[in-house]
Amino acid sequence: MNVLNKDKYLFIAYLIGAFILSFIPVLHWPFAWLETFFHEISHGLAALLTGGSINRIEIYFNGAGRCYTTGGWNGLISFSGYLGASLWGAAIYIFANSSRSNNKWVAIIMAGFVALCGLLWARNGITIIILSIISISLYLSFRYVIGNIFPRFMEFVGIYVMVNAFRSPLNLVDGRHYGDGATLADLSYLPELFWVGVWWMCAAGLIYLIWYFHNMQLSEPASG
């Protein structure tokens, strides 16, 4: 099997591995916490960008979370969580994959960003513990994971965040009319299922684009 085919199959293995891991109790927690963090901070950033503020961010051991904001454009704030998590995952994968010589900085920048958000907006003990675990884990991976294992690990992290962002909106189809989809349904008069479909298609589309450009990159002839 040549190198190009191995890399193509590795991408598929990431997707399958991330999907399977998301169902494994306890073991998936650190990855799920990271996806939840990106979901919640995306709500917060949307609030900041539209003139609002972040009051606090909460994340729990089971992977649930909440971002409390004041002001801003409520529609964009509600929409940004699931979409933002997909975009963060795509960005992690792209930077880890395309910058192999400097990809460790992806982890250290993420660690610093998570720690900073924790200092600014974490207000309860569980959230502080979770964000500390995420930040310390990223820092330790930056320091001690060597060779080709590290970029592969970061690529997998990016894919996991995208896969979980793909799966998570489906949890809103529970008949409770609660959460981001319900908020958007009330604001737009479009059913909650419509917004679930939009998030699902955005996540699926991003995964496809990453796959497409990944294959295009592999197919390019080497220069020189």
Protein backbone atom coordinates (compact mmCIF):
# COMPACT_ATOMS: atom_id res chain seq x y z
CA MET A 1 0.00 0.00 0.00
CA ASN A 2 1.53 3.34 -1.04
CA VAL A 3 1.79 6.41 1.20
CA LEU A 4 -1.09 8.25 -0.48
CA ASN A 5 -3.52 5.39 0.05
CA LYS A 6 -2.34 4.96 3.63
CA ASP A 7 -3.11 8.64 4.35
CA LYS A 8 -6.54 8.35 2.73
CA TYR A 9 -7.38 5.30 4.80
CA LEU A 10 -6.05 7.04 7.90
CA PHE A 11 -8.61 9.83 7.44
CA ILE A 12 -11.39 7.24 7.26
CA ALA A 13 -9.93 5.52 10.33
CA TYR A 14 -10.09 8.86 12.20
CA LEU A 15 -13.80 9.18 11.36
CA ILE A 16 -14.63 5.63 12.39
CA GLY A 17 -12.46 5.82 15.52
CA ALA A 18 -14.00 9.13 16.60
CA PHE A 19 -17.52 7.77 16.08
CA ILE A 20 -16.79 4.63 18.10
CA LEU A 21 -14.98 6.55 20.85
CA SER A 22 -17.98 8.85 21.30
CA PHE A 23 -19.95 5.83 22.61
CA ILE A 24 -17.30 4.54 25.02
CA PRO A 25 -18.12 5.58 28.63
CA VAL A 26 -15.53 7.62 30.54
CA LEU A 27 -12.83 7.23 27.87
CA HIS A 28 -14.52 9.75 25.60
CA TRP A 29 -14.97 12.37 28.33
CA PRO A 30 -11.85 14.52 27.67
CA PHE A 31 -12.65 14.70 23.95
CA ALA A 32 -16.33 15.43 24.63
CA TRP A 33 -15.36 18.17 27.10
CA LEU A 34 -13.23 19.81 24.42
CA GLU A 35 -16.10 19.73 21.90
CA THR A 36 -18.45 21.16 24.55
CA PHE A 37 -15.96 23.90 25.32
CA PHE A 38 -15.78 24.90 21.66
CA HIS A 39 -19.58 24.79 21.44
CA GLU A 40 -20.02 27.04 24.46
CA ILE A 41 -17.22 29.48 23.64
CA SER A 42 -18.71 29.85 20.15
CA HIS A 43 -21.93 31.06 21.78
CA GLY A 44 -19.87 33.45 23.85
CA LEU A 45 -17.82 34.79 20.94
CA ALA A 46 -21.02 35.39 18.96
CA ALA A 47 -22.32 37.41 21.90
CA LEU A 48 -19.13 39.46 22.06
CA LEU A 49 -19.11 40.06 18.29
CA THR A 50 -22.69 41.35 18.37
CA GLY A 51 -22.19 43.74 21.27
CA GLY A 52 -23.04 41.43 24.19
CA SER A 53 -20.98 39.92 26.97
CA ILE A 54 -20.21 36.54 28.50
CA ASN A 55 -21.32 36.09 32.09
CA ARG A 56 -20.03 32.57 32.68
CA ILE A 57 -19.39 29.21 31.02
CA GLU A 58 -20.35 25.90 32.63
CA ILE A 59 -19.22 22.42 31.57
CA TYR A 60 -20.13 19.20 33.35
CA PHE A 61 -18.57 15.76 33.56
CA ASN A 62 -21.27 14.20 31.36
CA GLY A 63 -20.35 16.56 28.50
CA ALA A 64 -23.26 18.97 28.97
CA GLY A 65 -22.55 22.68 29.05
CA ARG A 66 -24.05 26.14 29.08
CA CYS A 67 -22.84 29.62 28.17
CA TYR A 68 -24.64 32.46 29.92
CA THR A 69 -24.56 35.72 27.99
CA THR A 70 -26.07 39.19 28.20
CA GLY A 71 -27.07 41.25 25.20
CA GLY A 72 -25.98 40.59 21.63
CA TRP A 73 -27.97 39.07 18.79
CA ASN A 74 -29.79 36.12 20.30
CA GLY A 75 -30.37 34.38 16.97
CA LEU A 76 -26.69 34.32 16.03
CA ILE A 77 -25.68 33.40 19.58
CA SER A 78 -28.00 30.38 19.56
CA PHE A 79 -26.96 29.31 16.06
CA SER A 80 -23.21 29.59 16.67
CA GLY A 81 -22.74 26.73 19.14
CA TYR A 82 -23.04 23.71 16.87
CA LEU A 83 -21.64 25.48 13.83
CA GLY A 84 -18.75 26.88 15.84
CA ALA A 85 -17.75 23.46 17.18
CA SER A 86 -17.57 22.12 13.62
CA LEU A 87 -15.45 25.07 12.51
CA TRP A 88 -13.08 24.71 15.48
CA GLY A 89 -12.65 21.00 14.73
CA ALA A 90 -11.94 21.72 11.07
CA ALA A 91 -9.39 24.38 12.00
CA ILE A 92 -7.57 22.03 14.39
CA TYR A 93 -7.34 19.32 11.73
CA ILE A 94 -6.20 21.72 8.99
CA PHE A 95 -3.45 23.32 11.07
CA ALA A 96 -2.24 19.99 12.46
CA ASN A 97 -2.21 18.43 8.99
CA SER A 98 -0.77 21.28 6.93
CA SER A 99 1.95 22.52 9.27
CA ARG A 100 3.74 19.41 10.44
CA SER A 101 6.90 21.35 11.39
CA ASN A 102 5.03 23.72 13.71
CA ASN A 103 1.92 21.72 14.61
CA LYS A 104 2.82 21.48 18.29
CA TRP A 105 1.93 25.16 18.54
CA VAL A 106 -1.66 24.18 17.78
CA ALA A 107 -1.75 22.38 21.14
CA ILE A 108 0.01 25.09 23.13
CA ILE A 109 -2.20 27.86 21.69
CA MET A 110 -5.30 25.79 22.45
CA ALA A 111 -4.05 25.12 25.99
CA GLY A 112 -3.52 28.83 26.57
CA PHE A 113 -6.89 29.75 25.07
CA VAL A 114 -8.76 27.22 27.23
CA ALA A 115 -6.91 28.39 30.33
CA LEU A 116 -7.64 32.04 29.57
CA CYS A 117 -11.35 31.35 29.05
CA GLY A 118 -11.37 29.43 32.32
CA LEU A 119 -9.84 32.37 34.17
CA LEU A 120 -12.29 34.83 32.63
CA TRP A 121 -15.55 32.91 32.69
CA ALA A 122 -15.43 29.68 34.73
CA ARG A 123 -17.34 30.20 37.97
CA ASN A 124 -17.94 26.73 39.42
CA GLY A 125 -15.60 24.02 40.62
CA ILE A 126 -16.55 21.36 38.05
CA THR A 127 -15.95 23.71 35.13
CA ILE A 128 -12.61 24.84 36.55
CA ILE A 129 -11.52 21.21 37.00
CA ILE A 130 -12.57 20.24 33.47
CA LEU A 131 -10.93 23.22 31.78
CA SER A 132 -7.79 22.65 33.85
CA ILE A 133 -7.67 19.00 32.72
CA ILE A 134 -8.10 20.03 29.08
CA SER A 135 -5.44 22.74 29.27
CA ILE A 136 -2.92 20.60 31.16
CA SER A 137 -3.48 17.63 28.83
CA LEU A 138 -2.84 19.79 25.76
CA TYR A 139 0.28 21.23 27.38
CA LEU A 140 1.61 17.77 28.28
CA SER A 141 0.97 16.53 24.76
CA PHE A 142 2.92 19.54 23.47
CA ARG A 143 5.83 18.71 25.75
CA TYR A 144 6.02 14.94 25.71
CA VAL A 145 4.32 13.37 22.68
CA ILE A 146 7.06 12.95 20.09
CA GLY A 147 7.54 12.13 16.45
CA ASN A 148 4.68 11.52 14.04
CA ILE A 149 2.37 10.48 16.88
CA PHE A 150 1.69 14.08 17.89
CA PRO A 151 0.34 15.45 14.57
CA ARG A 152 -1.75 12.29 14.19
CA PHE A 153 -3.14 12.82 17.67
CA MET A 154 -4.03 16.46 16.94
CA GLU A 155 -5.62 15.48 13.62
CA PHE A 156 -7.75 12.95 15.49
CA VAL A 157 -8.75 15.59 18.05
CA GLY A 158 -9.95 17.84 15.23
CA ILE A 159 -11.91 15.02 13.60
CA TYR A 160 -13.46 13.99 16.93
CA VAL A 161 -14.69 17.53 17.56
CA MET A 162 -16.22 17.60 14.05
CA VAL A 163 -17.83 14.15 14.40
CA ASN A 164 -19.31 15.05 17.78
CA ALA A 165 -20.58 18.35 16.39
CA PHE A 166 -22.18 16.27 13.63
CA ARG A 167 -23.89 13.95 16.10
CA SER A 168 -24.85 16.40 18.84
CA PRO A 169 -27.70 18.30 17.09
CA LEU A 170 -29.55 15.01 16.69
CA ASN A 171 -29.93 14.92 20.49
CA LEU A 172 -32.32 17.88 20.16
CA VAL A 173 -34.86 15.66 18.39
CA ASP A 174 -36.38 14.59 21.69
CA GLY A 175 -39.75 16.34 21.72
CA ARG A 176 -38.83 18.57 24.69
CA HIS A 177 -38.53 21.89 22.80
CA TYR A 178 -35.46 22.84 24.80
CA GLY A 179 -32.05 24.15 23.77
CA ASP A 180 -30.58 26.09 20.86
CA GLY A 181 -32.95 24.60 18.28
CA ALA A 182 -36.00 25.53 20.35
CA THR A 183 -34.70 29.07 20.81
CA LEU A 184 -34.20 29.50 17.08
CA ALA A 185 -37.60 27.96 16.37
CA ASP A 186 -39.23 30.53 18.65
CA LEU A 187 -37.30 33.39 17.05
CA SER A 188 -37.76 32.37 13.42
CA TYR A 189 -41.03 30.40 13.41
CA LEU A 190 -39.15 27.66 11.57
CA PRO A 191 -39.42 24.25 13.26
CA GLU A 192 -36.64 22.99 15.50
CA LEU A 193 -36.06 20.10 13.11
CA PHE A 194 -35.15 22.62 10.39
CA TRP A 195 -32.31 24.02 12.49
CA VAL A 196 -31.14 20.54 13.44
CA GLY A 197 -30.96 19.77 9.72
CA VAL A 198 -29.00 22.95 9.01
CA TRP A 199 -26.41 22.14 11.71
CA TRP A 200 -26.21 18.54 10.56
CA MET A 201 -25.62 19.57 6.94
CA CYS A 202 -23.02 22.17 7.95
CA ALA A 203 -21.07 19.58 9.95
CA ALA A 204 -21.38 16.95 7.22
CA GLY A 205 -20.37 19.51 4.60
CA LEU A 206 -17.27 20.52 6.55
CA ILE A 207 -16.21 16.90 6.99
CA TYR A 208 -16.66 16.35 3.26
CA LEU A 209 -14.67 19.49 2.39
CA ILE A 210 -11.83 18.44 4.68
CA TRP A 211 -11.86 15.00 3.03
CA TYR A 212 -11.97 16.52 -0.47
CA PHE A 213 -9.11 18.97 0.04
CA HIS A 214 -7.14 16.32 1.92
CA ASN A 215 -7.36 14.07 -1.14
CA MET A 216 -6.55 16.98 -3.47
CA GLN A 217 -3.44 17.71 -1.43
CA LEU A 218 -2.38 14.07 -1.58
CA SER A 219 -2.90 13.99 -5.33
CA GLU A 220 -0.70 17.01 -6.05
CA PRO A 221 2.65 16.03 -7.61
CA ALA A 222 5.69 16.77 -5.51
CA SER A 223 7.57 19.90 -6.60
CA GLY A 224 11.15 19.70 -7.76
